[in-house]
């Protein structure tokens, strides 16, 4: 070392490197680093020991972006340097201001000597709060768990604080559990516990009477009927549901909730509790493009007699798609298939069948087709065979394999003279099946609780399953409801 405490750029007896520019650059960097106290090396005379500072001389500072902290307990002539000014800056008076999440070091120098080095950790603050839903309606004394997540995941403190604007209507625990304790509206504020200002709001409507419907949108053929399944929950006694139509020229509704489509158009059916505290709305769309109204059934719908089928037809339903079976074994025929076919045929309702598939290879699909041919022996159909492709184990196969399975099944039955279409959910149709395979056949699409059947599947379809909780005369329990847009010969 020299008397100035700086490294000598030329050592006695040592030749200068050939690459002078590189040597000079390295030397300049070392010089600048020491002058700015980036390295914790002190300036001292030849032969003197470097002054040491221990871990006790260092401390950690934790800040959020925008927060400041002033360094104290250092000499008055101290100079301050930040190793990363993008993370935190330090002013001449020792005030550290956090900028962005990360870590930096503040070096304190006095009289050319490093006197301290501090670690500054700038914590990631919560930027926003994600709610899975932003509102709910709660019956008196019922609870609801708010699903809220602080984001980003890298935030230092992701805990949340919940408060209610009206605790006499709805209370909230610090776990986000809301309880309706009155009647009215309350806003639940979900705030980040780090105090940086991120928050979200959740609206709770607390009620003492509430009407429930089995569906909220019904496409219907002119002349057909739809029976509303409603219920009412209340803390009061003697409450029932009353019905009314916004446009009786389009659709009427009876006192027991039977809707009749009169003419093409759209009407709102109002289901109101007799105490007037709750009203739900059912939209009825009488569509002239609908050629037939139908249901689909399986063994889960129980025994259905000839007289039951005639009641189904009296409600305006023109056809039934019944499950023939599932899988690729003859023994997997639906236990009610023979009875359902016999009684429905005698009653005079049009019949189609569906086959629930488990196939994961084209060979298995062909085997399923062979089994269907055995199930249908001696039977006539008015509607197609529908290949039901919706099992969870099939979606993981990917578009190519799933489409090839569909092609294998359909081709074998088509070769035997049957018309075959594909049944699946709108999501699977859109994302897991080649449009070319679907377009050359019809599609029976399942898309429940929507007034926009094209919101998931953008292709063409011949039949739409729009409700899983239908109420049909002659049948017990929930019934799947469908509308058809094609005429079958």
Protein backbone atom coordinates (compact mmCIF):
# COMPACT_ATOMS: atom_id res chain seq x y z
CA UNK A 1 0.00 0.00 0.00
CA UNK A 2 1.06 3.60 -0.53
CA UNK A 3 1.06 6.43 2.01
CA UNK A 4 -2.27 7.55 0.59
CA UNK A 5 -3.82 4.23 1.42
CA UNK A 6 -4.53 3.51 -2.25
CA UNK A 7 -3.43 0.47 -4.14
CA UNK A 8 -0.29 1.10 -6.21
CA UNK A 9 -0.99 0.70 -9.90
CA UNK A 10 2.59 -0.41 -10.51
CA UNK A 11 4.24 -2.98 -8.29
CA UNK A 12 8.02 -3.00 -7.95
CA UNK A 13 9.67 -5.60 -10.10
CA UNK A 14 6.45 -6.45 -11.89
CA UNK A 15 5.95 -5.89 -15.58
CA UNK A 16 2.83 -4.10 -16.78
CA UNK A 17 0.28 -6.42 -18.45
CA UNK A 18 0.23 -6.38 -22.19
CA UNK A 19 -3.41 -5.32 -22.24
CA UNK A 20 -2.93 -1.88 -20.70
CA UNK A 21 -6.51 -0.80 -21.32
CA UNK A 22 -7.94 -3.77 -19.40
CA UNK A 23 -5.50 -3.24 -16.52
CA UNK A 24 -6.29 0.45 -16.35
CA UNK A 25 -10.03 -0.23 -16.33
CA UNK A 26 -9.75 -2.74 -13.49
CA UNK A 27 -7.56 -0.41 -11.48
CA UNK A 28 -9.95 2.49 -11.99
CA UNK A 29 -12.85 0.36 -10.81
CA UNK A 30 -11.02 -0.65 -7.63
CA UNK A 31 -10.10 2.94 -6.95
CA UNK A 32 -13.65 4.21 -7.46
CA UNK A 33 -15.11 1.40 -5.36
CA UNK A 34 -12.86 2.20 -2.43
CA UNK A 35 -13.48 5.94 -2.63
CA UNK A 36 -17.26 5.39 -2.59
CA UNK A 37 -16.95 2.93 0.29
CA UNK A 38 -18.71 0.21 -1.68
CA UNK A 39 -16.13 -2.24 -0.35
CA UNK A 40 -15.78 -2.21 3.44
CA UNK A 41 -12.05 -1.55 3.20
CA UNK A 42 -10.72 1.38 5.24
CA UNK A 43 -8.05 3.89 4.24
CA UNK A 44 -4.97 3.42 6.36
CA UNK A 45 -1.21 3.98 6.23
CA UNK A 46 1.40 1.40 5.33
CA UNK A 47 1.91 -1.06 8.14
CA UNK A 48 -1.32 -0.15 9.93
CA UNK A 49 -3.97 -2.77 10.57
CA UNK A 50 -7.32 -2.24 8.84
CA UNK A 51 -9.95 -1.07 11.33
CA UNK A 52 -12.48 -3.88 11.79
CA UNK A 53 -16.22 -3.65 12.34
CA UNK A 54 -18.21 -6.60 13.62
CA UNK A 55 -21.71 -7.89 12.98
CA UNK A 56 -22.82 -5.89 16.03
CA UNK A 57 -21.93 -2.73 14.12
CA UNK A 58 -24.46 -3.63 11.43
CA UNK A 59 -28.23 -3.55 11.61
CA UNK A 60 -31.16 -4.37 9.36
CA UNK A 61 -33.82 -1.94 8.24
CA UNK A 62 -37.15 -3.21 6.82
CA UNK A 63 -39.30 -0.80 4.83
CA UNK A 64 -42.13 -0.84 2.32
CA UNK A 65 -41.77 1.18 -0.90
CA UNK A 66 -42.31 4.86 -0.12
CA UNK A 67 -41.37 4.57 3.54
CA UNK A 68 -38.30 6.32 5.00
CA UNK A 69 -35.88 5.76 7.87
CA UNK A 70 -33.15 8.09 9.12
CA UNK A 71 -29.86 6.58 10.20
CA UNK A 72 -28.73 7.92 13.59
CA UNK A 73 -25.85 7.36 15.97
CA UNK A 74 -23.15 8.07 13.38
CA UNK A 75 -20.52 10.86 13.21
CA UNK A 76 -21.74 14.27 12.08
CA UNK A 77 -19.48 14.26 9.00
CA UNK A 78 -20.75 10.87 7.81
CA UNK A 79 -21.31 10.18 4.16
CA UNK A 80 -23.85 7.60 3.01
CA UNK A 81 -23.83 5.35 -0.04
CA UNK A 82 -26.45 2.86 -1.34
CA UNK A 83 -25.25 -0.21 -3.23
CA UNK A 84 -28.51 -0.27 -5.24
CA UNK A 85 -30.32 3.03 -5.58
CA UNK A 86 -33.12 1.29 -7.52
CA UNK A 87 -34.06 -0.46 -4.27
CA UNK A 88 -33.42 2.39 -1.83
CA UNK A 89 -31.82 5.81 -1.94
CA UNK A 90 -30.05 7.57 0.91
CA UNK A 91 -29.80 11.34 1.29
CA UNK A 92 -26.90 13.40 2.66
CA UNK A 93 -28.50 13.51 6.12
CA UNK A 94 -28.81 9.69 6.24
CA UNK A 95 -32.49 9.37 5.36
CA UNK A 96 -33.11 6.07 3.57
CA UNK A 97 -36.11 6.06 1.21
CA UNK A 98 -37.39 2.70 -0.04
CA UNK A 99 -38.10 2.52 -3.78
CA UNK A 100 -38.81 -1.03 -4.97
CA UNK A 101 -38.78 -4.50 -3.43
CA UNK A 102 -35.33 -5.94 -2.97
CA UNK A 103 -32.22 -5.64 -0.81
CA UNK A 104 -29.47 -3.04 -0.72
CA UNK A 105 -26.63 -2.04 1.61
CA UNK A 106 -26.03 1.42 3.03
CA UNK A 107 -22.37 2.11 3.74
CA UNK A 108 -21.55 4.89 6.23
CA UNK A 109 -18.13 6.55 5.92
CA UNK A 110 -16.52 9.16 8.19
CA UNK A 111 -13.08 10.69 7.67
CA UNK A 112 -12.39 8.29 4.84
CA UNK A 113 -13.17 5.29 7.04
CA UNK A 114 -16.11 2.90 6.91
CA UNK A 115 -17.84 3.18 10.25
CA UNK A 116 -20.92 1.09 9.59
CA UNK A 117 -22.78 -0.93 7.00
CA UNK A 118 -26.52 -1.45 7.16
CA UNK A 119 -28.70 -3.94 5.31
CA UNK A 120 -31.93 -2.46 3.94
CA UNK A 121 -34.68 -4.88 3.00
CA UNK A 122 -37.48 -3.30 0.97
CA UNK A 123 -40.48 -5.56 1.34
CA UNK A 124 -42.96 -6.34 -1.42
CA UNK A 125 -46.28 -4.76 -0.50
CA UNK A 126 -49.70 -6.15 -1.35
CA UNK A 127 -50.74 -4.56 -4.64
CA UNK A 128 -54.31 -5.85 -4.86
CA UNK A 129 -56.75 -8.30 -3.32
CA UNK A 130 -58.45 -10.91 -5.47
CA UNK A 131 -62.03 -11.91 -4.59
CA UNK A 132 -63.63 -14.98 -6.18
CA UNK A 133 -66.99 -13.18 -5.90
CA UNK A 134 -67.93 -9.65 -4.95
CA UNK A 135 -71.44 -10.13 -3.55
CA UNK A 136 -73.89 -12.61 -2.06
CA UNK A 137 -77.38 -12.78 -0.66
CA UNK A 138 -77.69 -14.47 2.72
CA UNK A 139 -80.66 -15.74 4.63
CA UNK A 140 -80.91 -14.63 8.25
CA UNK A 141 -78.38 -16.43 10.50
CA UNK A 142 -76.68 -18.11 7.53
CA UNK A 143 -72.95 -17.79 6.91
CA UNK A 144 -70.73 -17.30 3.90
CA UNK A 145 -66.97 -17.73 3.57
CA UNK A 146 -65.36 -14.92 1.59
CA UNK A 147 -62.62 -16.23 -0.68
CA UNK A 148 -59.95 -13.51 -0.77
CA UNK A 149 -56.27 -13.69 -1.70
CA UNK A 150 -53.60 -11.00 -1.34
CA UNK A 151 -51.50 -10.57 -4.45
CA UNK A 152 -48.75 -10.86 -5.47
CA UNK A 153 -47.75 -14.05 -3.70
CA UNK A 154 -44.32 -12.54 -3.09
CA UNK A 155 -45.80 -9.90 -0.76
CA UNK A 156 -44.08 -9.88 2.64
CA UNK A 157 -47.36 -9.96 4.57
CA UNK A 158 -50.38 -11.54 2.84
CA UNK A 159 -52.67 -11.50 5.88
CA UNK A 160 -55.99 -9.68 5.57
CA UNK A 161 -58.23 -7.61 7.82
CA UNK A 162 -62.04 -7.75 7.50
CA UNK A 163 -64.50 -5.07 8.62
CA UNK A 164 -68.25 -4.65 8.17
CA UNK A 165 -69.89 -1.33 7.35
CA UNK A 166 -73.05 -2.41 9.15
CA UNK A 167 -72.54 -5.04 11.89
CA UNK A 168 -76.26 -4.95 12.70
CA UNK A 169 -76.91 -6.47 9.25
CA UNK A 170 -73.84 -8.67 8.74
CA UNK A 171 -70.85 -9.47 10.91
CA UNK A 172 -67.52 -10.77 9.70
CA UNK A 173 -64.79 -12.71 11.47
CA UNK A 174 -61.08 -12.19 10.88
CA UNK A 175 -61.17 -15.44 8.91
CA UNK A 176 -63.61 -13.87 6.45
CA UNK A 177 -66.76 -15.69 7.61
CA UNK A 178 -69.83 -13.48 7.14
CA UNK A 179 -73.01 -14.04 9.14
CA UNK A 180 -76.36 -12.40 8.37
CA UNK A 181 -77.77 -11.03 11.63
CA UNK A 182 -80.41 -8.65 10.31
CA UNK A 183 -82.07 -7.43 7.14
CA UNK A 184 -80.48 -5.00 4.69
CA UNK A 185 -77.12 -4.42 3.03
CA UNK A 186 -73.60 -4.33 4.43
CA UNK A 187 -70.26 -3.83 2.71
CA UNK A 188 -67.39 -6.00 3.89
CA UNK A 189 -64.03 -4.32 3.36
CA UNK A 190 -61.09 -6.67 2.91
CA UNK A 191 -57.83 -4.79 3.50
CA UNK A 192 -54.20 -5.80 3.38
CA UNK A 193 -52.72 -6.01 6.87
CA UNK A 194 -49.45 -4.43 5.71
CA UNK A 195 -51.11 -1.00 5.78
CA UNK A 196 -50.09 -0.13 2.23
CA UNK A 197 -53.66 0.59 1.16
CA UNK A 198 -54.73 -2.41 -0.94
CA UNK A 199 -58.37 -3.29 -0.35
CA UNK A 200 -61.45 -4.86 -1.92
CA UNK A 201 -65.13 -4.73 -1.09
CA UNK A 202 -67.73 -7.47 -0.82
CA UNK A 203 -71.44 -6.66 -0.67
CA UNK A 204 -73.77 -8.71 1.52
CA UNK A 205 -77.53 -8.52 1.18
CA UNK A 206 -79.13 -10.06 4.25
CA UNK A 207 -82.72 -11.23 3.89
CA UNK A 208 -85.34 -12.88 6.06
CA UNK A 209 -87.27 -14.36 3.12
CA UNK A 210 -85.80 -15.74 -0.10
CA UNK A 211 -87.32 -17.42 -3.17
CA UNK A 212 -85.36 -20.09 -5.06
CA UNK A 213 -85.98 -21.32 -8.64
CA UNK A 214 -84.74 -24.41 -10.48
CA UNK A 215 -83.50 -22.30 -13.41
CA UNK A 216 -83.47 -18.70 -14.57
CA UNK A 217 -83.60 -19.00 -18.37
CA UNK A 218 -85.84 -21.22 -20.49
CA UNK A 219 -85.81 -21.53 -24.29
CA UNK A 220 -89.17 -23.00 -25.28
CA UNK A 221 -91.18 -24.04 -28.32
CA UNK A 222 -94.48 -22.32 -28.99
CA UNK A 223 -97.28 -24.30 -27.34
CA UNK A 224 -94.99 -26.13 -24.91
CA UNK A 225 -95.04 -25.94 -21.14
CA UNK A 226 -92.38 -25.45 -18.51
CA UNK A 227 -93.09 -26.20 -14.87
CA UNK A 228 -91.24 -23.96 -12.42
CA UNK A 229 -89.82 -25.70 -9.37
CA UNK A 230 -89.66 -23.07 -6.65
CA UNK A 231 -89.15 -22.94 -2.92
CA UNK A 232 -89.13 -20.24 -0.28
CA UNK A 233 -86.93 -19.93 2.79
CA UNK A 234 -88.14 -17.61 5.53
CA UNK A 235 -88.06 -16.96 9.25
CA UNK A 236 -91.77 -16.20 9.11
CA UNK A 237 -94.68 -18.63 8.84
CA UNK A 238 -97.30 -19.07 6.11
CA UNK A 239 -95.25 -17.72 3.20
CA UNK A 240 -95.83 -19.02 -0.35
CA UNK A 241 -94.77 -18.09 -3.89
CA UNK A 242 -96.92 -16.08 -6.30
CA UNK A 243 -96.30 -15.93 -10.07
CA UNK A 244 -96.89 -13.31 -12.73
CA UNK A 245 -95.84 -12.67 -16.34
CA UNK A 246 -94.46 -9.45 -17.79
CA UNK A 247 -96.12 -10.26 -21.15
CA UNK A 248 -98.98 -12.81 -21.16
CA UNK A 249 -99.17 -12.53 -24.96
CA UNK A 250 -95.79 -14.31 -25.09
CA UNK A 251 -95.98 -16.57 -22.03
CA UNK A 252 -98.54 -17.15 -19.32
CA UNK A 253 -98.01 -18.67 -15.89
CA UNK A 254 -100.50 -20.46 -13.65
CA UNK A 255 -100.78 -20.15 -9.89
CA UNK A 256 -98.81 -23.39 -9.49
CA UNK A 257 -95.95 -22.20 -11.73
CA UNK A 258 -96.79 -23.84 -15.06
CA UNK A 259 -95.49 -21.62 -17.89
CA UNK A 260 -97.10 -21.91 -21.34
CA UNK A 261 -95.42 -20.43 -24.43
CA UNK A 262 -98.06 -18.52 -26.42
CA UNK A 263 -96.12 -16.75 -29.18
CA UNK A 264 -92.51 -16.05 -30.22
CA UNK A 265 -90.82 -13.46 -28.05
CA UNK A 266 -89.39 -12.99 -24.57
CA UNK A 267 -91.24 -12.59 -21.29
CA UNK A 268 -90.18 -12.38 -17.66
CA UNK A 269 -91.89 -14.63 -15.15
CA UNK A 270 -91.78 -13.21 -11.62
CA UNK A 271 -91.80 -15.52 -8.60
CA UNK A 272 -92.56 -13.39 -5.52
CA UNK A 273 -92.90 -14.40 -1.89
CA UNK A 274 -96.35 -13.67 -0.50
CA UNK A 275 -94.86 -11.24 2.02
CA UNK A 276 -93.28 -9.28 -0.83
CA UNK A 277 -89.76 -9.53 0.59
CA UNK A 278 -88.23 -11.60 -2.23
CA UNK A 279 -88.69 -11.83 -5.99
CA UNK A 280 -86.80 -13.99 -8.48
CA UNK A 281 -87.05 -13.70 -12.25
CA UNK A 282 -87.25 -16.43 -14.88
CA UNK A 283 -86.69 -15.38 -18.49
CA UNK A 284 -88.78 -17.31 -21.01
CA UNK A 285 -87.71 -17.13 -24.65
CA UNK A 286 -90.25 -18.57 -27.07
CA UNK A 287 -88.07 -19.31 -30.10
CA UNK A 288 -89.55 -20.10 -33.52
CA UNK A 289 -86.28 -21.85 -34.47
CA UNK A 290 -86.97 -24.62 -31.95
CA UNK A 291 -88.43 -27.65 -33.72
CA UNK A 292 -89.02 -29.85 -30.70
CA UNK A 293 -88.91 -29.91 -26.91
CA UNK A 294 -87.45 -32.96 -25.17
CA UNK A 295 -86.03 -34.65 -22.10
CA UNK A 296 -83.27 -37.18 -21.43
CA UNK A 297 -83.50 -39.96 -18.87
CA UNK A 298 -81.73 -42.98 -17.40
CA UNK A 299 -82.37 -45.53 -14.67
CA UNK A 300 -82.06 -42.72 -12.12
CA UNK A 301 -85.49 -41.43 -13.17
CA UNK A 302 -87.11 -44.63 -11.89
CA UNK A 303 -90.05 -46.52 -13.36
CA UNK A 304 -91.98 -44.64 -16.05
CA UNK A 305 -95.28 -46.15 -17.17
CA UNK A 306 -97.15 -45.62 -20.43
CA UNK A 307 -99.53 -43.22 -18.67
CA UNK A 308 -96.54 -41.33 -17.28
CA UNK A 309 -95.16 -40.89 -20.79
CA UNK A 310 -98.50 -39.52 -21.95
CA UNK A 311 -98.33 -36.91 -19.17
CA UNK A 312 -94.87 -35.97 -20.40
CA UNK A 313 -96.28 -35.47 -23.89
CA UNK A 314 -99.20 -33.44 -22.52
CA UNK A 315 -96.66 -30.96 -21.13
CA UNK A 316 -95.49 -30.34 -24.69
CA UNK A 317 -92.44 -32.61 -24.80
CA UNK A 318 -91.98 -34.26 -28.19
CA UNK A 319 -89.09 -36.65 -27.66
CA UNK A 320 -86.95 -38.47 -25.14
CA UNK A 321 -83.26 -39.36 -25.36
CA UNK A 322 -82.84 -42.40 -23.11
CA UNK A 323 -79.62 -43.97 -21.95
CA UNK A 324 -79.05 -47.32 -23.65
CA UNK A 325 -76.03 -48.05 -21.50
CA UNK A 326 -72.45 -47.20 -20.64
CA UNK A 327 -69.06 -48.72 -21.40
CA UNK A 328 -68.25 -51.61 -23.74
CA UNK A 329 -69.77 -54.67 -22.07
CA UNK A 330 -73.21 -56.02 -22.98
CA UNK A 331 -74.01 -56.28 -19.26
CA UNK A 332 -73.62 -52.49 -18.95
CA UNK A 333 -76.96 -51.83 -20.63
CA UNK A 334 -79.07 -49.42 -18.55
CA UNK A 335 -81.30 -51.57 -16.33
CA UNK A 336 -84.35 -49.47 -17.29
CA UNK A 337 -83.60 -49.26 -21.02
CA UNK A 338 -85.86 -52.08 -22.22
CA UNK A 339 -88.76 -50.90 -20.06
CA UNK A 340 -88.26 -47.25 -20.98
CA UNK A 341 -88.14 -48.06 -24.69
CA UNK A 342 -91.21 -50.31 -24.59
CA UNK A 343 -93.43 -47.89 -22.64
CA UNK A 344 -92.28 -44.76 -24.48
CA UNK A 345 -92.87 -46.44 -27.84
CA UNK A 346 -96.35 -47.49 -26.77
CA UNK A 347 -97.14 -43.95 -25.59
CA UNK A 348 -96.05 -42.54 -28.94
CA UNK A 349 -93.24 -40.17 -27.95
CA UNK A 350 -90.22 -39.98 -30.30
CA UNK A 351 -87.12 -41.83 -29.10
CA UNK A 352 -83.36 -41.38 -29.35
CA UNK A 353 -80.62 -43.03 -27.29
CA UNK A 354 -77.30 -42.07 -25.77
CA UNK A 355 -74.23 -44.10 -24.84
CA UNK A 356 -72.02 -42.94 -21.96
CA UNK A 357 -68.44 -43.60 -23.04
CA UNK A 358 -65.36 -44.58 -21.05
CA UNK A 359 -63.24 -45.34 -24.12
CA UNK A 360 -59.60 -44.27 -24.01
CA UNK A 361 -58.50 -45.90 -27.28
CA UNK A 362 -60.04 -46.28 -30.73
CA UNK A 363 -60.27 -50.05 -30.16
CA UNK A 364 -62.32 -49.49 -27.02
CA UNK A 365 -64.55 -47.03 -28.89
CA UNK A 366 -65.20 -49.58 -31.63
CA UNK A 367 -66.07 -52.13 -28.96
CA UNK A 368 -68.57 -49.67 -27.47
CA UNK A 369 -70.14 -49.28 -30.92
CA UNK A 370 -70.46 -53.06 -31.27
CA UNK A 371 -72.21 -53.25 -27.91
CA UNK A 372 -74.63 -50.48 -28.90
CA UNK A 373 -75.60 -52.48 -31.99
CA UNK A 374 -76.53 -55.39 -29.72
CA UNK A 375 -78.56 -53.16 -27.39
CA UNK A 376 -80.50 -51.72 -30.33
CA UNK A 377 -81.31 -55.03 -31.98
CA UNK A 378 -84.99 -55.02 -33.01
CA UNK A 379 -85.53 -51.37 -32.04
CA UNK A 380 -86.32 -48.34 -34.19
CA UNK A 381 -85.17 -44.81 -33.46
CA UNK A 382 -86.70 -41.45 -34.33
CA UNK A 383 -83.69 -39.46 -33.16
CA UNK A 384 -79.97 -40.23 -33.53
CA UNK A 385 -77.62 -42.22 -31.35
CA UNK A 386 -75.73 -39.74 -29.18
CA UNK A 387 -72.17 -40.61 -28.18
CA UNK A 388 -71.80 -39.16 -24.68
CA UNK A 389 -68.17 -38.05 -24.31
CA UNK A 390 -67.77 -36.23 -21.01
CA UNK A 391 -65.90 -38.50 -18.62
CA UNK A 392 -63.02 -36.84 -16.75
CA UNK A 393 -60.67 -39.63 -17.77
CA UNK A 394 -61.17 -38.73 -21.44
CA UNK A 395 -60.42 -35.01 -21.35
CA UNK A 396 -56.83 -35.70 -20.31
CA UNK A 397 -56.24 -37.64 -23.54
CA UNK A 398 -55.94 -34.45 -25.57
CA UNK A 399 -57.74 -33.24 -28.68
CA UNK A 400 -56.13 -35.61 -31.19
CA UNK A 401 -56.81 -38.84 -29.29
CA UNK A 402 -60.28 -37.83 -28.12
CA UNK A 403 -61.32 -36.84 -31.64
CA UNK A 404 -60.00 -40.13 -33.02
CA UNK A 405 -62.04 -42.03 -30.42
CA UNK A 406 -65.18 -40.16 -31.46
CA UNK A 407 -64.46 -40.84 -35.13
CA UNK A 408 -63.95 -44.56 -34.49
CA UNK A 409 -67.25 -44.97 -32.63
CA UNK A 410 -69.35 -42.90 -35.00
CA UNK A 411 -67.92 -44.42 -38.18
CA UNK A 412 -68.73 -47.96 -37.08
CA UNK A 413 -72.37 -47.14 -36.32
CA UNK A 414 -72.75 -44.98 -39.42
CA UNK A 415 -71.55 -47.94 -41.48
CA UNK A 416 -74.44 -49.90 -39.94
CA UNK A 417 -76.92 -47.26 -41.14
CA UNK A 418 -77.41 -45.20 -37.98
CA UNK A 419 -77.23 -41.44 -37.60
CA UNK A 420 -74.80 -40.53 -34.84
CA UNK A 421 -74.24 -37.23 -33.05
CA UNK A 422 -71.97 -36.17 -30.18
CA UNK A 423 -73.03 -35.11 -26.70
CA UNK A 424 -70.70 -33.20 -24.39
CA UNK A 425 -70.34 -30.04 -22.35
CA UNK A 426 -69.82 -26.76 -24.16
CA UNK A 427 -66.35 -26.50 -22.62
CA UNK A 428 -65.17 -29.91 -23.84
CA UNK A 429 -66.67 -29.37 -27.28
CA UNK A 430 -64.80 -26.10 -27.65
CA UNK A 431 -61.44 -27.15 -26.24
CA UNK A 432 -60.97 -30.91 -26.66
CA UNK A 433 -62.61 -31.93 -29.94
CA UNK A 434 -61.67 -31.14 -33.51
CA UNK A 435 -64.32 -29.02 -35.19
CA UNK A 436 -63.95 -31.09 -38.37
CA UNK A 437 -65.12 -34.20 -36.48
CA UNK A 438 -68.08 -32.34 -34.99
CA UNK A 439 -69.16 -30.39 -38.06
CA UNK A 440 -69.84 -33.46 -40.18
CA UNK A 441 -72.24 -34.68 -37.50
CA UNK A 442 -74.72 -33.02 -35.18
CA UNK A 443 -73.85 -31.78 -31.70
CA UNK A 444 -75.95 -32.06 -28.57
CA UNK A 445 -74.48 -29.42 -26.28
CA UNK A 446 -74.85 -29.25 -22.51
CA UNK A 447 -74.67 -25.65 -21.27
CA UNK A 448 -76.61 -24.96 -18.10
CA UNK A 449 -77.81 -21.70 -16.52
CA UNK A 450 -77.03 -19.36 -19.39
CA UNK A 451 -78.98 -17.17 -21.78
CA UNK A 452 -76.10 -17.26 -24.28
CA UNK A 453 -75.49 -20.82 -25.54
CA UNK A 454 -72.55 -19.62 -27.66
CA UNK A 455 -70.65 -18.16 -24.71
CA UNK A 456 -68.44 -21.29 -24.44
CA UNK A 457 -68.93 -23.34 -27.61
CA UNK A 458 -68.83 -21.28 -30.80
CA UNK A 459 -69.71 -24.09 -33.21
CA UNK A 460 -73.08 -25.22 -34.52
CA UNK A 461 -75.34 -27.51 -32.48
CA UNK A 462 -78.60 -29.30 -33.18
CA UNK A 463 -79.73 -29.73 -29.60
CA UNK A 464 -79.18 -27.77 -26.38
CA UNK A 465 -79.45 -29.20 -22.87
CA UNK A 466 -80.25 -26.09 -20.85
CA UNK A 467 -81.51 -27.37 -17.49
CA UNK A 468 -80.67 -30.24 -15.11
CA UNK A 469 -83.46 -29.55 -12.64
CA UNK A 470 -86.59 -29.64 -14.76
CA UNK A 471 -90.00 -30.52 -13.42
CA UNK A 472 -92.12 -32.64 -15.79
CA UNK A 473 -95.58 -34.14 -15.28
CA UNK A 474 -95.41 -37.92 -14.92
CA UNK A 475 -91.79 -37.94 -13.76
CA UNK A 476 -90.39 -37.67 -10.26
CA UNK A 477 -87.38 -35.63 -9.23
CA UNK A 478 -85.06 -33.58 -11.41
CA UNK A 479 -85.22 -34.05 -15.18
CA UNK A 480 -82.78 -32.85 -17.86
CA UNK A 481 -84.50 -30.52 -20.34
CA UNK A 482 -83.55 -29.96 -23.98
CA UNK A 483 -84.59 -28.08 -27.08
CA UNK A 484 -83.94 -29.27 -30.64
CA UNK A 485 -83.28 -27.09 -33.70
CA UNK A 486 -83.41 -29.82 -36.35
CA UNK A 487 -86.20 -31.92 -37.84
CA UNK A 488 -85.37 -35.63 -38.03
CA UNK A 489 -87.06 -37.80 -40.65
